[in-house]
Amino acid sequence: MPAPGAHEVEHDITVSAPASAVYRLIAEVENWPRIFPPTIHVDRVEHDGARERIRIWATANGEAKHWTSRRTLDPEGLRIDFRQEVSTPPVAAMGGAWVVEPLGPDRSRVRLLHDYRAVDDDPEGLRWIEEAVDRNSRSELAALKDNVENAHAAEAWTFSFSDTVRATGSAEDMYDFIDEAQLWHERLPHVASVQLSQQASGLQVLKMETRAKDGSTHLTESYRVCLPSERIAYKQTTLPTLMSLHTGLWTFEQDGPEVVATSQHTVVLRTENIAAVLGPDAGVEEARAYVRAALSTNSRATLGHASDYARAQRR
């Protein structure tokens, strides 16, 4: 229930899809970085069916924030209640609900409810929260509508893949190599320049200029969530021409004297740019192959140098 004195707001949108499909997309938080533009990474900490505890990293008004929420799922009532367990200032408390209402067999209404309070009821803080809630709610509802309504077509444009290496050494050392991205322009030949800023809760902002095989460079910007010695998740916010979304995950697992390190990618193609980049005869398959080759080449190179670093640290 909202706390006394909390401010309440509601946003809604109509979606041309069955209510059950819409609810399922909202319930599956592991897909949120792909579906919702503000979401960087979601980590499910606890889950017992109807109740779960999740950690969320997302942007609000252009700033990266982190919080922990508890959710109660009601698949029969098509409702998900949420409340922040640990909020980030200027938010003192935040909660609400996703409510999906059937309007017919292939049409539904999605209501996104919020209630919130600012630290010390500060007016400036309240304005900041109001703007962030409004911007993110509109963005998330529009993205939800697009993802549900275009799910079939988007399957051809969305793909995932991974590259894995084994190396003698420790998971901690390989993790450190990926974590210390501020040194990549010295350690990785394909990185021309890099800027890394560290924020709270393991959050990093990485700006990087990367060299392609033809000598050209392109600039990317990513938010990274670092969970020490285990994994680093990231989401690119400045993207190459052929991608409308790129999320990734570096994982590190100790296996006796060896470490298994994997780089995972999920990509959504920007199909309207395929002809301009690859020529008028190119299609989705050619674009998939091109993007995968480019990303995989850089991932394998990075993993190879990380392996060398781990072996050297062991010696």
Protein backbone atom coordinates (compact mmCIF):
# COMPACT_ATOMS: atom_id res chain seq x y z
CA MET A 1 0.00 0.00 0.00
CA PRO A 2 1.21 3.56 -0.69
CA ALA A 3 2.63 5.38 2.31
CA PRO A 4 0.64 8.34 3.71
CA GLY A 5 1.40 11.48 1.73
CA ALA A 6 2.70 9.59 -1.30
CA HIS A 7 2.16 11.02 -4.76
CA GLU A 8 0.29 8.74 -7.17
CA VAL A 9 0.30 8.67 -10.96
CA GLU A 10 -0.98 6.34 -13.67
CA HIS A 11 0.04 5.75 -17.30
CA ASP A 12 -1.66 3.41 -19.74
CA ILE A 13 -1.53 2.14 -23.30
CA THR A 14 -3.67 -0.12 -25.53
CA VAL A 15 -1.91 -3.09 -27.11
CA SER A 16 -3.05 -5.27 -30.02
CA ALA A 17 -2.17 -8.55 -28.31
CA PRO A 18 -3.76 -11.04 -25.90
CA ALA A 19 -3.57 -10.01 -22.25
CA SER A 20 -1.77 -13.24 -21.31
CA ALA A 21 1.06 -12.51 -23.77
CA VAL A 22 1.47 -8.98 -22.46
CA TYR A 23 1.52 -10.17 -18.85
CA ARG A 24 4.15 -12.82 -19.64
CA LEU A 25 6.47 -10.25 -21.20
CA ILE A 26 6.25 -8.03 -18.11
CA ALA A 27 6.73 -10.96 -15.72
CA GLU A 28 9.95 -12.20 -17.38
CA VAL A 29 12.38 -9.64 -15.96
CA GLU A 30 15.43 -11.27 -17.58
CA ASN A 31 14.21 -9.81 -20.89
CA TRP A 32 13.77 -6.25 -19.61
CA PRO A 33 17.14 -4.88 -20.88
CA ARG A 34 16.09 -5.96 -24.37
CA ILE A 35 12.51 -4.72 -24.11
CA PHE A 36 12.66 -1.52 -22.05
CA PRO A 37 15.09 1.24 -23.14
CA PRO A 38 15.81 2.58 -19.60
CA THR A 39 16.73 -0.85 -18.17
CA ILE A 40 20.42 -1.75 -18.14
CA HIS A 41 20.39 -5.02 -16.18
CA VAL A 42 18.09 -6.99 -13.87
CA ASP A 43 19.33 -9.60 -11.40
CA ARG A 44 16.79 -11.95 -9.81
CA VAL A 45 18.00 -12.48 -6.24
CA GLU A 46 15.10 -14.51 -4.79
CA HIS A 47 12.14 -16.25 -6.39
CA ASP A 48 9.51 -18.55 -4.90
CA GLY A 49 6.84 -18.50 -7.59
CA ALA A 50 4.45 -15.76 -6.52
CA ARG A 51 7.05 -13.52 -4.90
CA GLU A 52 10.49 -12.42 -5.98
CA ARG A 53 13.25 -10.01 -5.08
CA ILE A 54 15.12 -8.29 -7.91
CA ARG A 55 17.94 -5.79 -8.34
CA ILE A 56 17.51 -3.27 -11.14
CA TRP A 57 19.98 -0.95 -12.83
CA ALA A 58 18.32 1.63 -15.10
CA THR A 59 18.55 5.20 -16.32
CA ALA A 60 16.29 7.99 -15.08
CA ASN A 61 16.48 11.50 -16.53
CA GLY A 62 19.78 10.54 -18.15
CA GLU A 63 21.30 9.33 -14.87
CA ALA A 64 22.03 5.69 -14.04
CA LYS A 65 20.32 4.46 -10.86
CA HIS A 66 20.18 1.19 -8.92
CA TRP A 67 17.55 -0.18 -6.57
CA THR A 68 16.19 -3.40 -5.10
CA SER A 69 12.50 -4.27 -5.42
CA ARG A 70 10.11 -6.95 -4.27
CA ARG A 71 7.40 -8.10 -6.68
CA THR A 72 4.20 -10.08 -6.16
CA LEU A 73 2.98 -11.88 -9.30
CA ASP A 74 -0.68 -12.69 -9.88
CA PRO A 75 -0.95 -14.44 -13.28
CA GLU A 76 -4.69 -15.11 -12.84
CA GLY A 77 -5.44 -11.49 -12.01
CA LEU A 78 -2.92 -10.29 -14.62
CA ARG A 79 -1.33 -7.99 -12.05
CA ILE A 80 2.22 -7.50 -10.76
CA ASP A 81 2.73 -5.35 -7.65
CA PHE A 82 6.17 -3.95 -6.97
CA ARG A 83 7.82 -1.94 -4.21
CA GLN A 84 11.36 -0.71 -3.93
CA GLU A 85 13.13 -2.25 -0.95
CA VAL A 86 16.15 0.02 -1.24
CA SER A 87 15.67 3.29 -3.14
CA THR A 88 18.23 5.75 -4.49
CA PRO A 89 17.96 9.46 -3.60
CA PRO A 90 16.13 11.64 -4.32
CA VAL A 91 13.59 8.78 -4.06
CA ALA A 92 12.58 7.98 -0.48
CA ALA A 93 9.97 5.35 -1.41
CA MET A 94 8.57 3.98 -4.66
CA GLY A 95 6.01 1.34 -5.52
CA GLY A 96 3.18 0.53 -7.86
CA ALA A 97 1.74 -2.12 -10.13
CA TRP A 98 1.46 -3.39 -13.67
CA VAL A 99 -2.19 -4.20 -14.46
CA VAL A 100 -3.22 -5.87 -17.73
CA GLU A 101 -6.91 -5.67 -18.67
CA PRO A 102 -8.34 -7.78 -21.55
CA LEU A 103 -10.30 -5.73 -24.09
CA GLY A 104 -10.94 -8.69 -26.38
CA PRO A 105 -9.18 -11.87 -27.53
CA ASP A 106 -6.35 -9.90 -29.23
CA ARG A 107 -6.48 -6.54 -27.52
CA SER A 108 -5.61 -5.37 -24.02
CA ARG A 109 -5.00 -2.31 -21.91
CA VAL A 110 -1.85 -1.99 -19.81
CA ARG A 111 -1.92 0.31 -16.78
CA LEU A 112 1.32 1.26 -15.04
CA LEU A 113 0.73 2.67 -11.54
CA HIS A 114 3.29 4.47 -9.38
CA ASP A 115 3.29 5.95 -5.92
CA TYR A 116 6.37 7.74 -4.58
CA ARG A 117 7.84 10.07 -2.00
CA ALA A 118 10.96 12.25 -2.16
CA VAL A 119 13.63 12.40 0.52
CA ASP A 120 12.47 14.98 3.09
CA ASP A 121 9.56 15.79 0.71
CA ASP A 122 11.95 18.10 -1.11
CA PRO A 123 10.07 19.96 -3.93
CA GLU A 124 13.04 19.76 -6.30
CA GLY A 125 13.36 16.05 -5.61
CA LEU A 126 9.65 15.58 -6.26
CA ARG A 127 9.95 17.33 -9.62
CA TRP A 128 12.92 15.12 -10.55
CA ILE A 129 10.98 11.95 -9.64
CA GLU A 130 7.85 13.12 -11.47
CA GLU A 131 9.83 13.77 -14.65
CA ALA A 132 11.70 10.45 -14.40
CA VAL A 133 8.54 8.42 -13.74
CA ASP A 134 6.69 10.11 -16.60
CA ARG A 135 9.55 9.71 -19.11
CA ASN A 136 10.33 6.10 -18.19
CA SER A 137 6.68 5.04 -17.99
CA ARG A 138 5.91 6.41 -21.46
CA SER A 139 9.09 4.84 -22.85
CA GLU A 140 8.44 1.45 -21.26
CA LEU A 141 4.79 1.28 -22.32
CA ALA A 142 5.63 2.24 -25.91
CA ALA A 143 8.45 -0.33 -26.01
CA LEU A 144 6.16 -2.98 -24.53
CA LYS A 145 3.55 -2.28 -27.22
CA ASP A 146 6.17 -2.48 -30.00
CA ASN A 147 7.70 -5.70 -28.67
CA VAL A 148 4.39 -7.50 -28.24
CA GLU A 149 2.82 -6.36 -31.52
CA ASN A 150 5.96 -6.95 -33.59
CA ALA A 151 7.10 -10.11 -31.83
CA HIS A 152 6.83 -12.36 -34.89
CA ALA A 153 8.68 -10.04 -37.26
CA ALA A 154 11.31 -9.15 -34.66
CA GLU A 155 12.29 -12.82 -34.24
CA ALA A 156 14.19 -12.62 -37.53
CA TRP A 157 15.93 -9.41 -36.47
CA THR A 158 16.89 -10.58 -32.96
CA PHE A 159 19.62 -13.11 -32.29
CA SER A 160 22.02 -14.20 -29.56
CA PHE A 161 25.37 -15.95 -29.60
CA SER A 162 28.41 -16.49 -27.38
CA ASP A 163 32.16 -17.08 -27.53
CA THR A 164 33.96 -19.15 -24.87
CA VAL A 165 37.61 -19.76 -24.01
CA ARG A 166 39.42 -21.88 -21.44
CA ALA A 167 42.59 -20.61 -19.85
CA THR A 168 44.94 -21.64 -17.09
CA GLY A 169 44.54 -19.18 -14.26
CA SER A 170 41.89 -17.71 -12.00
CA ALA A 171 38.44 -16.35 -12.67
CA GLU A 172 39.34 -13.31 -10.54
CA ASP A 173 42.23 -12.38 -12.85
CA MET A 174 40.17 -12.74 -16.02
CA TYR A 175 37.37 -10.73 -14.41
CA ASP A 176 39.86 -8.00 -13.47
CA PHE A 177 41.06 -7.72 -17.07
CA ILE A 178 37.51 -7.11 -18.34
CA ASP A 179 36.64 -4.89 -15.37
CA GLU A 180 39.70 -2.64 -15.88
CA ALA A 181 38.47 -1.31 -19.21
CA GLN A 182 40.26 2.00 -18.64
CA LEU A 183 43.44 0.11 -19.67
CA TRP A 184 42.04 -1.45 -22.83
CA HIS A 185 43.62 1.08 -25.19
CA GLU A 186 47.00 -0.16 -23.87
CA ARG A 187 46.06 -3.85 -23.75
CA LEU A 188 43.82 -4.38 -26.80
CA PRO A 189 44.97 -3.53 -30.35
CA HIS A 190 41.40 -2.97 -31.61
CA VAL A 191 40.67 -0.26 -29.00
CA ALA A 192 41.78 3.21 -30.13
CA SER A 193 40.65 5.15 -27.05
CA VAL A 194 38.60 4.58 -23.93
CA GLN A 195 36.99 6.50 -21.08
CA LEU A 196 35.66 4.70 -18.00
CA SER A 197 33.80 6.27 -15.10
CA GLN A 198 32.85 4.33 -11.98
CA GLN A 199 29.57 4.93 -10.19
CA ALA A 200 27.87 3.37 -7.19
CA SER A 201 26.65 -0.23 -6.95
CA GLY A 202 29.19 -1.61 -9.41
CA LEU A 203 27.93 0.58 -12.25
CA GLN A 204 30.33 1.83 -14.93
CA VAL A 205 29.96 4.11 -17.95
CA LEU A 206 32.26 3.04 -20.78
CA LYS A 207 32.97 5.18 -23.84
CA MET A 208 35.17 3.45 -26.39
CA GLU A 209 36.50 4.03 -29.90
CA THR A 210 37.06 0.72 -31.69
CA ARG A 211 39.08 -0.01 -34.84
CA ALA A 212 37.56 -2.11 -37.62
CA LYS A 213 39.52 -4.33 -40.01
CA ASP A 214 39.54 -1.61 -42.68
CA GLY A 215 41.14 0.84 -40.26
CA SER A 216 38.00 2.88 -39.65
CA THR A 217 36.87 3.58 -36.09
CA HIS A 218 33.45 3.83 -34.47
CA LEU A 219 32.38 5.16 -31.10
CA THR A 220 30.23 3.20 -28.68
CA GLU A 221 28.95 4.02 -25.21
CA SER A 222 27.76 1.42 -22.71
CA TYR A 223 26.52 1.10 -19.17
CA ARG A 224 28.14 -1.85 -17.38
CA VAL A 225 27.04 -3.63 -14.19
CA CYS A 226 29.96 -5.37 -12.48
CA LEU A 227 29.35 -8.25 -10.05
CA PRO A 228 32.90 -9.03 -8.86
CA SER A 229 34.62 -12.18 -10.10
CA GLU A 230 31.37 -13.58 -11.53
CA ARG A 231 29.95 -11.49 -14.38
CA ILE A 232 29.79 -8.12 -16.06
CA ALA A 233 26.57 -7.20 -17.87
CA TYR A 234 26.35 -4.28 -20.26
CA LYS A 235 23.99 -2.40 -22.54
CA GLN A 236 25.15 -0.15 -25.35
CA THR A 237 23.47 3.24 -25.55
CA THR A 238 25.47 4.54 -28.54
CA LEU A 239 25.29 1.91 -31.27
CA PRO A 240 26.78 1.14 -34.69
CA THR A 241 24.55 1.76 -37.71
CA LEU A 242 23.30 -1.81 -38.12
CA MET A 243 22.09 -2.33 -34.53
CA SER A 244 19.07 -0.93 -32.70
CA LEU A 245 20.00 -2.87 -29.55
CA HIS A 246 23.07 -4.63 -28.21
CA THR A 247 23.32 -6.17 -24.74
CA GLY A 248 26.06 -8.44 -23.50
CA LEU A 249 27.32 -10.49 -20.60
CA TRP A 250 30.84 -11.55 -19.61
CA THR A 251 30.87 -14.58 -17.27
CA PHE A 252 33.77 -16.26 -15.46
CA GLU A 253 33.67 -19.75 -13.93
CA GLN A 254 36.52 -21.54 -12.16
CA ASP A 255 36.99 -25.17 -13.22
CA GLY A 256 39.92 -26.57 -11.28
CA PRO A 257 43.15 -24.93 -12.48
CA GLU A 258 41.31 -23.42 -15.45
CA VAL A 259 38.79 -20.64 -15.91
CA VAL A 260 35.93 -20.78 -18.40
CA ALA A 261 35.21 -17.28 -19.70
CA THR A 262 32.28 -16.49 -21.99
CA SER A 263 31.16 -13.41 -23.87
CA GLN A 264 27.43 -13.45 -24.69
CA HIS A 265 25.67 -11.03 -27.07
CA THR A 266 22.03 -10.25 -27.87
CA VAL A 267 21.44 -8.04 -30.91
CA VAL A 268 18.43 -6.48 -32.64
CA LEU A 269 19.20 -5.40 -36.20
CA ARG A 270 18.29 -1.98 -37.58
CA THR A 271 16.89 -3.38 -40.82
CA GLU A 272 16.33 -0.02 -42.51
CA ASN A 273 20.12 0.51 -42.62
CA ILE A 274 21.12 -2.84 -44.15
CA ALA A 275 21.15 -1.68 -47.78
CA ALA A 276 23.14 1.46 -46.99
CA VAL A 277 25.82 -0.50 -45.13
CA LEU A 278 25.98 -3.80 -46.99
CA GLY A 279 24.57 -2.96 -50.42
CA PRO A 280 21.15 -3.22 -52.10
CA ASP A 281 21.28 -7.02 -52.45
CA ALA A 282 21.93 -7.69 -48.76
CA GLY A 283 19.19 -8.89 -46.42
CA VAL A 284 18.70 -9.88 -42.80
CA GLU A 285 20.84 -13.04 -43.05
CA GLU A 286 23.79 -11.09 -44.48
CA ALA A 287 23.40 -8.45 -41.77
CA ARG A 288 23.27 -11.10 -39.04
CA ALA A 289 26.46 -12.69 -40.35
CA TYR A 290 28.22 -9.33 -40.67
CA VAL A 291 27.32 -8.14 -37.15
CA ARG A 292 28.10 -11.49 -35.56
CA ALA A 293 31.52 -11.63 -37.23
CA ALA A 294 32.38 -8.10 -36.09
CA LEU A 295 31.30 -8.63 -32.48
CA SER A 296 32.76 -12.12 -32.25
CA THR A 297 36.12 -10.97 -33.62
CA ASN A 298 36.42 -8.33 -30.89
CA SER A 299 35.13 -10.67 -28.16
CA ARG A 300 37.56 -13.43 -29.05
CA ALA A 301 40.44 -10.96 -29.21
CA THR A 302 39.53 -9.57 -25.79
CA LEU A 303 39.13 -13.05 -24.29
CA GLY A 304 42.48 -14.09 -25.78
CA HIS A 305 44.30 -11.14 -24.18
CA ALA A 306 42.45 -11.76 -20.91
CA SER A 307 43.62 -15.40 -21.01
CA ASP A 308 47.23 -14.27 -21.51
CA TYR A 309 46.86 -11.89 -18.58
CA ALA A 310 45.47 -14.63 -16.31
CA ARG A 311 48.31 -17.01 -17.23
CA ALA A 312 50.89 -14.29 -16.57
CA GLN A 313 49.35 -13.50 -13.17
CA ARG A 314 49.48 -17.18 -12.27
CA ARG A 315 53.18 -17.37 -13.09
